[in-house]
């Protein structure tokens, strides 16, 4: 379990409320739409002014500035940002991202590629979960051994 306040909000909040109310769902959709609009506008500004940085970086800087100056309260983006962060892994799975760039190939070999993408993504998720589980078990054993050594040393 995460000890930080932000970690608890990001991890446990969606699990505590499995069915979002209509108001929360609408609010989350509007916040995600506003974040997408900010990303679109920042990308447009980068291409219009030929700026030497990615649009996402400009968008994050503008959002940070808006939040730091309290021009946009945190609650206006919190729910949408929480959802986006909780689903972040799905946005960055390389096979899925690559499939967007190869639409004609996907049309020709769609079913085979879809099966490969699903199996590959599933393998990535399962192996990541397995590795994280092993790391947590290792840390738990190591911390238990340290506590026992401290108890023996203090006794």
N, C-alpha and C. Protein backbone atom coordinates (compact mmCIF):
# COMPACT_ATOMS: atom_id res chain seq x y z
N UNK A 1 0.84 -1.18 0.00
CA UNK A 1 0.00 0.00 0.00
C UNK A 1 0.88 1.23 0.00
N UNK A 2 0.49 2.21 -0.71
CA UNK A 2 1.21 3.47 -0.78
C UNK A 2 1.05 4.23 0.53
N UNK A 3 2.13 4.85 0.99
CA UNK A 3 2.06 5.60 2.22
C UNK A 3 1.74 7.06 1.98
N UNK A 4 2.04 7.58 0.81
CA UNK A 4 1.84 9.00 0.55
C UNK A 4 0.37 9.34 0.36
N UNK A 5 0.03 10.56 0.64
CA UNK A 5 -1.34 11.01 0.53
C UNK A 5 -1.82 10.95 -0.92
N UNK A 6 -0.98 11.38 -1.84
CA UNK A 6 -1.37 11.35 -3.25
C UNK A 6 -1.53 9.92 -3.72
N UNK A 7 -0.62 9.04 -3.30
CA UNK A 7 -0.71 7.64 -3.70
C UNK A 7 -2.00 7.00 -3.24
N UNK A 8 -2.43 7.32 -2.03
CA UNK A 8 -3.68 6.76 -1.54
C UNK A 8 -4.86 7.25 -2.35
N UNK A 9 -4.85 8.50 -2.73
CA UNK A 9 -5.95 9.04 -3.52
C UNK A 9 -5.98 8.37 -4.89
N UNK A 10 -4.82 8.24 -5.51
CA UNK A 10 -4.77 7.69 -6.86
C UNK A 10 -5.08 6.21 -6.89
N UNK A 11 -4.71 5.48 -5.85
CA UNK A 11 -4.87 4.03 -5.88
C UNK A 11 -6.20 3.58 -5.29
N UNK A 12 -6.57 4.09 -4.13
CA UNK A 12 -7.73 3.55 -3.46
C UNK A 12 -9.03 4.26 -3.80
N UNK A 13 -9.00 5.47 -4.25
CA UNK A 13 -10.23 6.22 -4.52
C UNK A 13 -11.10 5.52 -5.56
N UNK A 14 -10.55 5.09 -6.73
CA UNK A 14 -11.41 4.42 -7.69
C UNK A 14 -11.96 3.09 -7.16
N UNK A 15 -11.21 2.40 -6.30
CA UNK A 15 -11.67 1.12 -5.79
C UNK A 15 -12.77 1.30 -4.74
N UNK A 16 -12.74 2.42 -4.02
CA UNK A 16 -13.76 2.66 -3.00
C UNK A 16 -15.11 2.94 -3.64
N UNK A 17 -15.14 3.56 -4.80
CA UNK A 17 -16.39 3.89 -5.47
C UNK A 17 -16.42 3.18 -6.81
N UNK A 18 -16.83 1.89 -6.82
CA UNK A 18 -16.80 1.16 -8.09
C UNK A 18 -17.76 1.72 -9.13
N UNK A 19 -18.92 2.22 -8.69
CA UNK A 19 -19.86 2.82 -9.62
C UNK A 19 -19.87 4.32 -9.40
N UNK A 20 -19.39 5.04 -10.38
CA UNK A 20 -19.36 6.49 -10.26
C UNK A 20 -20.77 7.04 -10.45
N UNK A 21 -21.07 8.08 -9.72
CA UNK A 21 -22.35 8.74 -9.92
C UNK A 21 -22.32 9.48 -11.26
N UNK A 22 -23.48 9.84 -11.71
CA UNK A 22 -23.57 10.55 -12.98
C UNK A 22 -22.80 11.87 -12.92
N UNK A 23 -22.89 12.55 -11.77
CA UNK A 23 -22.20 13.82 -11.60
C UNK A 23 -20.68 13.62 -11.67
N UNK A 24 -20.17 12.60 -10.99
CA UNK A 24 -18.72 12.34 -11.01
C UNK A 24 -18.25 11.94 -12.39
N UNK A 25 -19.05 11.12 -13.07
CA UNK A 25 -18.68 10.70 -14.42
C UNK A 25 -18.66 11.88 -15.38
N UNK A 26 -19.66 12.73 -15.30
CA UNK A 26 -19.71 13.92 -16.15
C UNK A 26 -18.54 14.85 -15.85
N UNK A 27 -18.26 15.02 -14.56
CA UNK A 27 -17.15 15.89 -14.16
C UNK A 27 -15.82 15.33 -14.67
N UNK A 28 -15.63 14.02 -14.55
CA UNK A 28 -14.39 13.41 -15.02
C UNK A 28 -14.26 13.56 -16.53
N UNK A 29 -15.34 13.35 -17.26
CA UNK A 29 -15.28 13.49 -18.72
C UNK A 29 -14.98 14.92 -19.14
N UNK A 30 -15.57 15.88 -18.46
CA UNK A 30 -15.28 17.28 -18.77
C UNK A 30 -13.84 17.64 -18.46
N UNK A 31 -13.31 17.12 -17.37
CA UNK A 31 -11.92 17.40 -17.01
C UNK A 31 -10.96 16.75 -17.99
N UNK A 32 -11.24 15.51 -18.40
CA UNK A 32 -10.38 14.86 -19.40
C UNK A 32 -10.46 15.62 -20.72
N UNK A 33 -11.67 16.07 -21.08
CA UNK A 33 -11.82 16.84 -22.31
C UNK A 33 -11.04 18.16 -22.24
N UNK A 34 -11.06 18.80 -21.08
CA UNK A 34 -10.31 20.06 -20.95
C UNK A 34 -8.81 19.81 -21.01
N UNK A 35 -8.35 18.71 -20.43
CA UNK A 35 -6.92 18.38 -20.53
C UNK A 35 -6.53 18.05 -21.97
N UNK A 36 -7.43 17.36 -22.68
CA UNK A 36 -7.16 17.06 -24.10
C UNK A 36 -7.15 18.34 -24.93
N UNK A 37 -8.05 19.26 -24.61
CA UNK A 37 -8.07 20.55 -25.32
C UNK A 37 -6.78 21.32 -25.07
N UNK A 38 -6.32 21.31 -23.84
CA UNK A 38 -5.05 21.96 -23.52
C UNK A 38 -3.90 21.32 -24.30
N UNK A 39 -3.90 20.00 -24.40
CA UNK A 39 -2.86 19.31 -25.16
C UNK A 39 -2.93 19.66 -26.64
N UNK A 40 -4.16 19.71 -27.17
CA UNK A 40 -4.33 20.07 -28.58
C UNK A 40 -3.87 21.50 -28.85
N UNK A 41 -4.26 22.42 -27.99
CA UNK A 41 -3.87 23.82 -28.17
C UNK A 41 -2.36 24.00 -28.05
N UNK A 42 -1.75 23.31 -27.11
CA UNK A 42 -0.30 23.44 -26.96
C UNK A 42 0.43 22.84 -28.18
N UNK A 43 -0.10 21.76 -28.72
CA UNK A 43 0.51 21.18 -29.93
C UNK A 43 0.35 22.14 -31.11
N UNK A 44 -0.81 22.78 -31.21
CA UNK A 44 -1.04 23.77 -32.27
C UNK A 44 -0.07 24.94 -32.14
N UNK A 45 0.12 25.43 -30.91
CA UNK A 45 1.03 26.56 -30.69
C UNK A 45 2.47 26.18 -31.03
N UNK A 46 2.87 24.98 -30.69
CA UNK A 46 4.23 24.53 -31.01
C UNK A 46 4.44 24.48 -32.52
N UNK A 47 3.45 23.93 -33.24
CA UNK A 47 3.62 23.86 -34.69
C UNK A 47 3.48 25.23 -35.35
N UNK A 48 2.61 26.09 -34.85
CA UNK A 48 2.40 27.42 -35.42
C UNK A 48 3.64 28.30 -35.25
N UNK A 49 4.22 28.29 -34.06
CA UNK A 49 5.39 29.13 -33.78
C UNK A 49 6.71 28.40 -34.00
N UNK A 50 6.65 27.16 -34.47
CA UNK A 50 7.84 26.33 -34.73
C UNK A 50 8.76 26.28 -33.50
N UNK A 51 8.17 26.02 -32.37
CA UNK A 51 8.94 25.95 -31.12
C UNK A 51 9.73 24.64 -31.07
N UNK A 52 10.92 24.67 -30.49
CA UNK A 52 11.77 23.47 -30.48
C UNK A 52 11.49 22.54 -29.29
N UNK A 53 10.24 22.40 -28.89
CA UNK A 53 9.90 21.49 -27.81
C UNK A 53 8.58 20.81 -28.13
N UNK A 54 8.35 19.64 -27.55
CA UNK A 54 7.10 18.93 -27.83
C UNK A 54 5.89 19.66 -27.26
N UNK A 55 4.76 19.47 -27.89
CA UNK A 55 3.53 20.10 -27.43
C UNK A 55 3.13 19.65 -26.04
N UNK A 56 3.39 18.39 -25.72
CA UNK A 56 3.07 17.88 -24.39
C UNK A 56 3.83 18.58 -23.29
N UNK A 57 5.08 18.91 -23.57
CA UNK A 57 5.89 19.63 -22.58
C UNK A 57 5.35 21.02 -22.36
N UNK A 58 4.98 21.70 -23.44
CA UNK A 58 4.39 23.03 -23.32
C UNK A 58 3.07 22.96 -22.57
N UNK A 59 2.25 21.97 -22.89
CA UNK A 59 0.97 21.82 -22.21
C UNK A 59 1.13 21.57 -20.72
N UNK A 60 2.09 20.72 -20.35
CA UNK A 60 2.35 20.47 -18.93
C UNK A 60 2.86 21.72 -18.23
N UNK A 61 3.70 22.48 -18.92
CA UNK A 61 4.22 23.72 -18.33
C UNK A 61 3.09 24.73 -18.13
N UNK A 62 2.20 24.84 -19.10
CA UNK A 62 1.06 25.77 -18.97
C UNK A 62 0.15 25.31 -17.84
N UNK A 63 -0.13 24.01 -17.76
CA UNK A 63 -0.98 23.49 -16.68
C UNK A 63 -0.33 23.72 -15.32
N UNK A 64 0.97 23.50 -15.23
CA UNK A 64 1.68 23.75 -13.98
C UNK A 64 1.60 25.22 -13.59
N UNK A 65 1.77 26.09 -14.56
CA UNK A 65 1.69 27.53 -14.30
C UNK A 65 0.28 27.92 -13.84
N UNK A 66 -0.73 27.39 -14.51
CA UNK A 66 -2.12 27.69 -14.13
C UNK A 66 -2.43 27.20 -12.72
N UNK A 67 -1.93 26.02 -12.37
CA UNK A 67 -2.17 25.49 -11.03
C UNK A 67 -1.36 26.24 -9.98
N UNK A 68 -0.12 26.58 -10.30
CA UNK A 68 0.74 27.27 -9.34
C UNK A 68 0.22 28.68 -9.02
N UNK A 69 -0.34 29.34 -10.01
CA UNK A 69 -0.87 30.69 -9.80
C UNK A 69 -2.31 30.68 -9.29
N UNK A 70 -2.84 29.48 -9.08
CA UNK A 70 -4.23 29.31 -8.63
C UNK A 70 -5.25 29.91 -9.59
N UNK A 71 -4.91 30.01 -10.86
CA UNK A 71 -5.87 30.46 -11.86
C UNK A 71 -6.85 29.33 -12.16
N UNK A 72 -6.35 28.09 -12.04
CA UNK A 72 -7.19 26.91 -12.17
C UNK A 72 -7.04 26.13 -10.86
N UNK A 73 -8.11 26.00 -10.08
CA UNK A 73 -8.00 25.22 -8.84
C UNK A 73 -7.73 23.75 -9.14
N UNK A 74 -7.05 23.10 -8.24
CA UNK A 74 -6.70 21.69 -8.44
C UNK A 74 -7.94 20.82 -8.63
N UNK A 75 -9.02 21.15 -7.94
CA UNK A 75 -10.23 20.33 -8.03
C UNK A 75 -10.84 20.36 -9.43
N UNK A 76 -10.47 21.35 -10.27
CA UNK A 76 -10.99 21.42 -11.62
C UNK A 76 -10.35 20.40 -12.56
N UNK A 77 -9.22 19.83 -12.17
CA UNK A 77 -8.57 18.83 -13.01
C UNK A 77 -8.27 17.53 -12.27
N UNK A 78 -8.55 17.46 -10.97
CA UNK A 78 -8.12 16.33 -10.14
C UNK A 78 -8.76 15.01 -10.57
N UNK A 79 -10.05 14.98 -10.78
CA UNK A 79 -10.73 13.73 -11.09
C UNK A 79 -10.31 13.20 -12.46
N UNK A 80 -10.26 14.08 -13.44
CA UNK A 80 -9.83 13.66 -14.78
C UNK A 80 -8.37 13.23 -14.81
N UNK A 81 -7.52 13.96 -14.10
CA UNK A 81 -6.10 13.60 -14.04
C UNK A 81 -5.91 12.27 -13.31
N UNK A 82 -6.71 12.03 -12.27
CA UNK A 82 -6.63 10.77 -11.55
C UNK A 82 -6.98 9.61 -12.46
N UNK A 83 -8.04 9.77 -13.25
CA UNK A 83 -8.41 8.70 -14.17
C UNK A 83 -7.32 8.47 -15.21
N UNK A 84 -6.80 9.56 -15.79
CA UNK A 84 -5.75 9.42 -16.80
C UNK A 84 -4.51 8.73 -16.22
N UNK A 85 -4.13 9.11 -15.01
CA UNK A 85 -2.96 8.49 -14.38
C UNK A 85 -3.21 7.02 -14.04
N UNK A 86 -4.43 6.69 -13.63
CA UNK A 86 -4.71 5.30 -13.29
C UNK A 86 -4.71 4.41 -14.52
N UNK A 87 -4.98 4.97 -15.69
CA UNK A 87 -4.99 4.20 -16.93
C UNK A 87 -3.74 4.45 -17.77
N UNK A 88 -2.72 5.02 -17.17
CA UNK A 88 -1.52 5.43 -17.90
C UNK A 88 -0.85 4.27 -18.63
N UNK A 89 -0.81 3.11 -18.01
CA UNK A 89 -0.14 1.97 -18.64
C UNK A 89 -0.78 1.63 -19.97
N UNK A 90 -2.10 1.73 -20.05
CA UNK A 90 -2.78 1.39 -21.29
C UNK A 90 -2.46 2.38 -22.41
N UNK A 91 -2.12 3.62 -22.06
CA UNK A 91 -1.80 4.61 -23.08
C UNK A 91 -0.39 4.42 -23.64
N UNK A 92 0.47 3.71 -22.95
CA UNK A 92 1.85 3.62 -23.37
C UNK A 92 2.33 2.21 -23.66
N UNK A 93 1.42 1.27 -23.87
CA UNK A 93 1.85 -0.06 -24.27
C UNK A 93 2.35 0.05 -25.71
N UNK A 94 3.63 -0.22 -25.93
CA UNK A 94 4.22 0.01 -27.25
C UNK A 94 3.51 -0.65 -28.42
N UNK A 95 3.05 -1.91 -28.34
CA UNK A 95 2.37 -2.49 -29.51
C UNK A 95 1.10 -1.74 -29.89
N UNK A 96 0.38 -1.25 -28.91
CA UNK A 96 -0.87 -0.54 -29.20
C UNK A 96 -0.55 0.81 -29.84
N UNK A 97 0.46 1.50 -29.33
CA UNK A 97 0.84 2.78 -29.89
C UNK A 97 1.35 2.60 -31.32
N UNK A 98 2.13 1.56 -31.56
CA UNK A 98 2.67 1.31 -32.90
C UNK A 98 1.56 0.98 -33.89
N UNK A 99 0.49 0.35 -33.45
CA UNK A 99 -0.59 -0.02 -34.37
C UNK A 99 -1.28 1.19 -34.98
N UNK A 100 -1.23 2.33 -34.30
CA UNK A 100 -1.85 3.54 -34.84
C UNK A 100 -1.10 4.02 -36.09
N UNK A 101 0.20 3.85 -36.11
CA UNK A 101 1.01 4.33 -37.23
C UNK A 101 0.94 3.42 -38.46
N UNK A 102 0.48 2.18 -38.28
CA UNK A 102 0.47 1.22 -39.38
C UNK A 102 -0.96 0.77 -39.70
N UNK A 103 -1.86 1.71 -39.91
CA UNK A 103 -3.26 1.40 -40.17
C UNK A 103 -3.45 0.54 -41.43
N UNK A 104 -2.78 0.81 -42.55
CA UNK A 104 -2.98 -0.05 -43.73
C UNK A 104 -2.55 -1.49 -43.48
N UNK A 105 -1.46 -1.65 -42.79
CA UNK A 105 -1.00 -3.00 -42.46
C UNK A 105 -2.00 -3.68 -41.53
N UNK A 106 -2.58 -2.90 -40.63
CA UNK A 106 -3.55 -3.43 -39.69
C UNK A 106 -4.83 -3.86 -40.41
N UNK A 107 -5.19 -3.13 -41.47
CA UNK A 107 -6.37 -3.50 -42.25
C UNK A 107 -6.16 -4.82 -42.98
N UNK A 108 -4.96 -5.06 -43.48
CA UNK A 108 -4.67 -6.27 -44.25
C UNK A 108 -4.52 -7.49 -43.34
N UNK A 109 -3.80 -7.35 -42.24
CA UNK A 109 -3.53 -8.47 -41.35
C UNK A 109 -4.18 -8.25 -39.98
N UNK A 110 -5.34 -7.64 -39.96
CA UNK A 110 -5.98 -7.20 -38.73
C UNK A 110 -6.13 -8.23 -37.65
N UNK A 111 -6.71 -9.38 -37.97
CA UNK A 111 -6.98 -10.38 -36.93
C UNK A 111 -5.69 -10.95 -36.35
N UNK A 112 -4.74 -11.25 -37.21
CA UNK A 112 -3.46 -11.78 -36.72
C UNK A 112 -2.73 -10.76 -35.86
N UNK A 113 -2.72 -9.52 -36.31
CA UNK A 113 -2.06 -8.47 -35.53
C UNK A 113 -2.78 -8.19 -34.22
N UNK A 114 -4.11 -8.21 -34.26
CA UNK A 114 -4.88 -7.98 -33.04
C UNK A 114 -4.60 -9.06 -32.01
N UNK A 115 -4.57 -10.29 -32.46
CA UNK A 115 -4.24 -11.40 -31.55
C UNK A 115 -2.84 -11.24 -30.99
N UNK A 116 -1.89 -10.86 -31.83
CA UNK A 116 -0.52 -10.64 -31.37
C UNK A 116 -0.44 -9.49 -30.38
N UNK A 117 -1.15 -8.40 -30.67
CA UNK A 117 -1.15 -7.26 -29.76
C UNK A 117 -1.76 -7.62 -28.40
N UNK A 118 -2.86 -8.33 -28.42
CA UNK A 118 -3.51 -8.70 -27.16
C UNK A 118 -2.62 -9.65 -26.37
N UNK A 119 -2.06 -10.66 -27.03
CA UNK A 119 -1.18 -11.60 -26.33
C UNK A 119 0.09 -10.91 -25.83
N UNK A 120 0.67 -10.06 -26.65
CA UNK A 120 1.88 -9.34 -26.23
C UNK A 120 1.62 -8.42 -25.06
N UNK A 121 0.53 -7.68 -25.12
CA UNK A 121 0.19 -6.77 -24.02
C UNK A 121 -0.12 -7.55 -22.75
N UNK A 122 -0.82 -8.67 -22.89
CA UNK A 122 -1.12 -9.51 -21.73
C UNK A 122 0.17 -10.04 -21.11
N UNK A 123 1.10 -10.47 -21.95
CA UNK A 123 2.38 -10.97 -21.43
C UNK A 123 3.14 -9.86 -20.69
N UNK A 124 3.15 -8.67 -21.25
CA UNK A 124 3.83 -7.55 -20.59
C UNK A 124 3.21 -7.29 -19.22
N UNK A 125 1.89 -7.24 -19.16
CA UNK A 125 1.22 -6.98 -17.90
C UNK A 125 1.46 -8.09 -16.89
N UNK A 126 1.39 -9.35 -17.33
CA UNK A 126 1.60 -10.47 -16.41
C UNK A 126 3.03 -10.53 -15.90
N UNK A 127 4.00 -10.33 -16.78
CA UNK A 127 5.40 -10.38 -16.35
C UNK A 127 5.71 -9.21 -15.43
N UNK A 128 5.17 -8.04 -15.73
CA UNK A 128 5.37 -6.89 -14.84
C UNK A 128 4.79 -7.16 -13.47
N UNK A 129 3.58 -7.71 -13.42
CA UNK A 129 2.96 -8.06 -12.14
C UNK A 129 3.77 -9.09 -11.39
N UNK A 130 4.29 -10.10 -12.10
CA UNK A 130 5.10 -11.14 -11.47
C UNK A 130 6.38 -10.55 -10.88
N UNK A 131 7.06 -9.70 -11.65
CA UNK A 131 8.30 -9.09 -11.16
C UNK A 131 8.03 -8.21 -9.94
N UNK A 132 6.97 -7.42 -9.99
CA UNK A 132 6.64 -6.56 -8.85
C UNK A 132 6.31 -7.39 -7.62
N UNK A 133 5.58 -8.49 -7.82
CA UNK A 133 5.27 -9.37 -6.69
C UNK A 133 6.54 -9.94 -6.08
N UNK A 134 7.47 -10.37 -6.91
CA UNK A 134 8.74 -10.93 -6.40
C UNK A 134 9.56 -9.87 -5.68
N UNK A 135 9.59 -8.66 -6.19
CA UNK A 135 10.34 -7.58 -5.53
C UNK A 135 9.73 -7.29 -4.17
N UNK A 136 8.39 -7.22 -4.09
CA UNK A 136 7.73 -6.97 -2.80
C UNK A 136 8.02 -8.10 -1.81
N UNK A 137 7.99 -9.34 -2.28
CA UNK A 137 8.30 -10.46 -1.38
C UNK A 137 9.74 -10.38 -0.89
N UNK A 138 10.67 -10.04 -1.79
CA UNK A 138 12.07 -9.90 -1.41
C UNK A 138 12.24 -8.80 -0.36
N UNK A 139 11.61 -7.65 -0.60
CA UNK A 139 11.71 -6.54 0.36
C UNK A 139 11.09 -6.91 1.70
N UNK A 140 9.96 -7.61 1.68
CA UNK A 140 9.32 -8.02 2.91
C UNK A 140 10.23 -8.95 3.72
N UNK A 141 10.85 -9.93 3.05
CA UNK A 141 11.78 -10.84 3.74
C UNK A 141 12.98 -10.08 4.29
N UNK A 142 13.52 -9.16 3.49
CA UNK A 142 14.68 -8.39 3.93
C UNK A 142 14.33 -7.51 5.13
N UNK A 143 13.18 -6.86 5.10
CA UNK A 143 12.75 -6.03 6.23
C UNK A 143 12.48 -6.87 7.47
N UNK A 144 11.93 -8.05 7.30
CA UNK A 144 11.69 -8.94 8.43
C UNK A 144 13.01 -9.37 9.05
N UNK A 145 13.99 -9.68 8.21
CA UNK A 145 15.31 -10.09 8.72
C UNK A 145 15.98 -8.93 9.45
N UNK A 146 15.85 -7.73 8.94
CA UNK A 146 16.43 -6.56 9.61
C UNK A 146 15.78 -6.32 10.97
N UNK A 147 14.45 -6.46 11.01
CA UNK A 147 13.76 -6.28 12.30
C UNK A 147 14.21 -7.32 13.31
N UNK A 148 14.38 -8.54 12.87
CA UNK A 148 14.83 -9.60 13.78
C UNK A 148 16.26 -9.32 14.26
N UNK A 149 17.11 -8.84 13.38
CA UNK A 149 18.47 -8.50 13.78
C UNK A 149 18.48 -7.35 14.78
N UNK A 150 17.62 -6.36 14.58
CA UNK A 150 17.53 -5.25 15.52
C UNK A 150 16.99 -5.70 16.87
N UNK A 151 16.00 -6.61 16.84
CA UNK A 151 15.48 -7.13 18.11
C UNK A 151 16.52 -7.92 18.86
N UNK A 152 17.30 -8.73 18.13
CA UNK A 152 18.36 -9.53 18.78
C UNK A 152 19.46 -8.64 19.28
N UNK A 153 19.78 -7.58 18.54
CA UNK A 153 20.85 -6.68 18.95
C UNK A 153 20.44 -5.85 20.17
N UNK A 154 19.16 -5.49 20.24
CA UNK A 154 18.70 -4.68 21.38
C UNK A 154 18.43 -5.52 22.63
N UNK A 155 18.28 -6.82 22.47
CA UNK A 155 17.98 -7.70 23.63
C UNK A 155 19.21 -8.07 24.42
